[in-house]
N, C-alpha and C. Protein backbone atom coordinates (compact mmCIF):
# COMPACT_ATOMS: atom_id res chain seq x y z
N UNK A 1 0.83 -1.20 0.00
CA UNK A 1 0.00 0.00 0.00
C UNK A 1 0.87 1.26 0.00
N UNK A 2 2.14 1.06 -0.12
CA UNK A 2 3.08 2.16 -0.04
C UNK A 2 2.98 3.12 -1.25
N UNK A 3 2.65 2.60 -2.40
CA UNK A 3 2.68 3.40 -3.62
C UNK A 3 1.30 3.61 -4.25
N UNK A 4 0.25 3.44 -3.47
CA UNK A 4 -1.11 3.54 -4.00
C UNK A 4 -1.36 4.90 -4.63
N UNK A 5 -1.00 5.98 -3.98
CA UNK A 5 -1.24 7.32 -4.51
C UNK A 5 -0.51 7.52 -5.84
N UNK A 6 0.72 7.04 -5.90
CA UNK A 6 1.51 7.18 -7.12
C UNK A 6 0.90 6.37 -8.25
N UNK A 7 0.50 5.15 -7.97
CA UNK A 7 -0.10 4.28 -8.99
C UNK A 7 -1.43 4.85 -9.46
N UNK A 8 -2.24 5.34 -8.54
CA UNK A 8 -3.52 5.95 -8.91
C UNK A 8 -3.30 7.16 -9.82
N UNK A 9 -2.31 7.98 -9.51
CA UNK A 9 -2.02 9.16 -10.33
C UNK A 9 -1.58 8.75 -11.73
N UNK A 10 -0.75 7.74 -11.82
CA UNK A 10 -0.28 7.27 -13.12
C UNK A 10 -1.45 6.74 -13.95
N UNK A 11 -2.29 5.92 -13.33
CA UNK A 11 -3.44 5.36 -14.05
C UNK A 11 -4.43 6.43 -14.46
N UNK A 12 -4.67 7.41 -13.60
CA UNK A 12 -5.59 8.50 -13.94
C UNK A 12 -5.04 9.31 -15.11
N UNK A 13 -3.76 9.61 -15.09
CA UNK A 13 -3.15 10.37 -16.19
C UNK A 13 -3.25 9.60 -17.50
N UNK A 14 -2.94 8.32 -17.44
CA UNK A 14 -2.97 7.49 -18.65
C UNK A 14 -4.38 7.36 -19.21
N UNK A 15 -5.35 7.08 -18.35
CA UNK A 15 -6.71 6.90 -18.85
C UNK A 15 -7.31 8.24 -19.29
N UNK A 16 -6.95 9.32 -18.62
CA UNK A 16 -7.44 10.63 -19.06
C UNK A 16 -6.89 10.97 -20.44
N UNK A 17 -5.62 10.71 -20.65
CA UNK A 17 -5.00 10.96 -21.96
C UNK A 17 -5.67 10.12 -23.04
N UNK A 18 -5.91 8.85 -22.75
CA UNK A 18 -6.56 7.96 -23.71
C UNK A 18 -7.98 8.43 -24.02
N UNK A 19 -8.69 8.86 -22.99
CA UNK A 19 -10.06 9.37 -23.17
C UNK A 19 -10.07 10.62 -24.05
N UNK A 20 -9.18 11.57 -23.74
CA UNK A 20 -9.14 12.82 -24.50
C UNK A 20 -8.75 12.57 -25.97
N UNK A 21 -7.82 11.66 -26.19
CA UNK A 21 -7.42 11.33 -27.55
C UNK A 21 -8.59 10.70 -28.32
N UNK A 22 -9.30 9.78 -27.68
CA UNK A 22 -10.46 9.13 -28.32
C UNK A 22 -11.55 10.14 -28.61
N UNK A 23 -11.77 11.06 -27.68
CA UNK A 23 -12.79 12.10 -27.88
C UNK A 23 -12.42 13.01 -29.04
N UNK A 24 -11.17 13.43 -29.10
CA UNK A 24 -10.72 14.31 -30.17
C UNK A 24 -10.81 13.63 -31.54
N UNK A 25 -10.43 12.37 -31.58
CA UNK A 25 -10.51 11.60 -32.83
C UNK A 25 -11.95 11.51 -33.31
N UNK A 26 -12.86 11.20 -32.38
CA UNK A 26 -14.27 11.09 -32.75
C UNK A 26 -14.81 12.43 -33.22
N UNK A 27 -14.47 13.51 -32.53
CA UNK A 27 -14.95 14.83 -32.93
C UNK A 27 -14.44 15.20 -34.33
N UNK A 28 -13.19 14.88 -34.61
CA UNK A 28 -12.62 15.16 -35.93
C UNK A 28 -13.37 14.40 -37.01
N UNK A 29 -13.59 13.11 -36.77
CA UNK A 29 -14.29 12.29 -37.76
C UNK A 29 -15.74 12.72 -37.92
N UNK A 30 -16.39 13.12 -36.84
CA UNK A 30 -17.77 13.58 -36.94
C UNK A 30 -17.83 14.88 -37.75
N UNK A 31 -16.81 15.73 -37.61
CA UNK A 31 -16.74 16.94 -38.42
C UNK A 31 -16.60 16.61 -39.89
N UNK A 32 -15.79 15.62 -40.20
CA UNK A 32 -15.64 15.18 -41.59
C UNK A 32 -16.95 14.60 -42.11
N UNK A 33 -17.63 13.86 -41.25
CA UNK A 33 -18.89 13.23 -41.64
C UNK A 33 -19.96 14.28 -41.93
N UNK A 34 -19.97 15.36 -41.13
CA UNK A 34 -20.95 16.43 -41.34
C UNK A 34 -20.72 17.18 -42.65
N UNK A 35 -19.48 17.22 -43.11
CA UNK A 35 -19.16 17.94 -44.33
C UNK A 35 -19.39 17.17 -45.61
N UNK A 36 -19.90 15.95 -45.49
CA UNK A 36 -20.08 15.08 -46.66
C UNK A 36 -21.55 14.69 -46.80
N UNK A 37 -22.07 14.80 -48.03
CA UNK A 37 -23.46 14.40 -48.25
C UNK A 37 -23.63 12.88 -48.17
N UNK A 38 -22.75 12.16 -48.85
CA UNK A 38 -22.79 10.71 -48.84
C UNK A 38 -21.42 10.21 -48.37
N UNK A 39 -21.35 9.78 -47.11
CA UNK A 39 -20.04 9.34 -46.59
C UNK A 39 -19.60 8.02 -47.22
N UNK A 40 -18.30 7.89 -47.36
CA UNK A 40 -17.75 6.66 -47.90
C UNK A 40 -17.85 5.55 -46.85
N UNK A 41 -17.73 4.34 -47.34
CA UNK A 41 -17.78 3.19 -46.43
C UNK A 41 -16.62 3.26 -45.43
N UNK A 42 -15.46 3.68 -45.92
CA UNK A 42 -14.29 3.79 -45.06
C UNK A 42 -14.51 4.81 -43.94
N UNK A 43 -15.08 5.97 -44.27
CA UNK A 43 -15.34 7.00 -43.26
C UNK A 43 -16.36 6.51 -42.24
N UNK A 44 -17.38 5.83 -42.71
CA UNK A 44 -18.40 5.28 -41.81
C UNK A 44 -17.78 4.28 -40.83
N UNK A 45 -16.91 3.41 -41.35
CA UNK A 45 -16.22 2.45 -40.49
C UNK A 45 -15.31 3.14 -39.48
N UNK A 46 -14.62 4.19 -39.93
CA UNK A 46 -13.75 4.94 -39.02
C UNK A 46 -14.55 5.58 -37.89
N UNK A 47 -15.71 6.13 -38.22
CA UNK A 47 -16.57 6.74 -37.20
C UNK A 47 -17.06 5.67 -36.22
N UNK A 48 -17.46 4.52 -36.72
CA UNK A 48 -17.92 3.43 -35.85
C UNK A 48 -16.79 2.98 -34.91
N UNK A 49 -15.60 2.81 -35.45
CA UNK A 49 -14.46 2.40 -34.64
C UNK A 49 -14.11 3.46 -33.61
N UNK A 50 -14.13 4.72 -34.02
CA UNK A 50 -13.83 5.82 -33.11
C UNK A 50 -14.87 5.92 -31.99
N UNK A 51 -16.12 5.66 -32.32
CA UNK A 51 -17.18 5.68 -31.31
C UNK A 51 -16.96 4.58 -30.28
N UNK A 52 -16.63 3.40 -30.74
CA UNK A 52 -16.35 2.28 -29.84
C UNK A 52 -15.14 2.58 -28.96
N UNK A 53 -14.09 3.13 -29.55
CA UNK A 53 -12.90 3.49 -28.78
C UNK A 53 -13.22 4.55 -27.73
N UNK A 54 -14.05 5.51 -28.11
CA UNK A 54 -14.45 6.57 -27.19
C UNK A 54 -15.23 6.00 -26.01
N UNK A 55 -16.17 5.13 -26.28
CA UNK A 55 -16.95 4.51 -25.20
C UNK A 55 -16.07 3.64 -24.29
N UNK A 56 -15.17 2.91 -24.89
CA UNK A 56 -14.25 2.06 -24.13
C UNK A 56 -13.36 2.93 -23.23
N UNK A 57 -12.84 4.02 -23.77
CA UNK A 57 -11.98 4.91 -22.99
C UNK A 57 -12.76 5.59 -21.87
N UNK A 58 -14.01 5.95 -22.14
CA UNK A 58 -14.84 6.58 -21.12
C UNK A 58 -15.12 5.61 -19.97
N UNK A 59 -15.42 4.37 -20.31
CA UNK A 59 -15.68 3.36 -19.28
C UNK A 59 -14.44 3.09 -18.44
N UNK A 60 -13.30 3.02 -19.11
CA UNK A 60 -12.05 2.79 -18.39
C UNK A 60 -11.72 3.97 -17.48
N UNK A 61 -11.92 5.17 -17.97
CA UNK A 61 -11.66 6.37 -17.16
C UNK A 61 -12.56 6.39 -15.93
N UNK A 62 -13.82 6.10 -16.13
CA UNK A 62 -14.76 6.07 -15.02
C UNK A 62 -14.39 4.99 -14.00
N UNK A 63 -13.98 3.84 -14.48
CA UNK A 63 -13.57 2.75 -13.60
C UNK A 63 -12.38 3.15 -12.73
N UNK A 64 -11.37 3.74 -13.35
CA UNK A 64 -10.19 4.17 -12.60
C UNK A 64 -10.56 5.28 -11.62
N UNK A 65 -11.43 6.20 -12.04
CA UNK A 65 -11.85 7.28 -11.15
C UNK A 65 -12.56 6.74 -9.91
N UNK A 66 -13.46 5.78 -10.09
CA UNK A 66 -14.16 5.20 -8.95
C UNK A 66 -13.20 4.42 -8.04
N UNK A 67 -12.31 3.67 -8.63
CA UNK A 67 -11.34 2.93 -7.82
C UNK A 67 -10.45 3.86 -7.03
N UNK A 68 -10.03 4.94 -7.68
CA UNK A 68 -9.18 5.94 -6.99
C UNK A 68 -9.96 6.58 -5.85
N UNK A 69 -11.20 6.91 -6.10
CA UNK A 69 -12.06 7.52 -5.07
C UNK A 69 -12.26 6.54 -3.91
N UNK A 70 -12.49 5.26 -4.25
CA UNK A 70 -12.70 4.24 -3.24
C UNK A 70 -11.45 4.09 -2.36
N UNK A 71 -10.28 4.22 -2.94
CA UNK A 71 -9.03 4.09 -2.19
C UNK A 71 -8.68 5.37 -1.44
N UNK A 72 -9.49 6.41 -1.65
CA UNK A 72 -9.27 7.65 -0.91
C UNK A 72 -8.14 8.50 -1.44
N UNK A 73 -7.84 8.39 -2.71
CA UNK A 73 -6.74 9.15 -3.29
C UNK A 73 -7.23 10.40 -3.93
């Protein structure tokens, strides 16, 4: 239990970075999607993948946040 605060900080930083990157990627792709009347199959797949990555990153961030809160950090 000696390094709990340090480990929590590292995990929070990592998951926050992953979340922000996934969010930015999705926002960029959604902007591209809005600018196109008929999106290509590739763009549609990229948006779907980015959405899944965003949700995964959000769940992971929330999980680490709750665990950190539970440990009192």
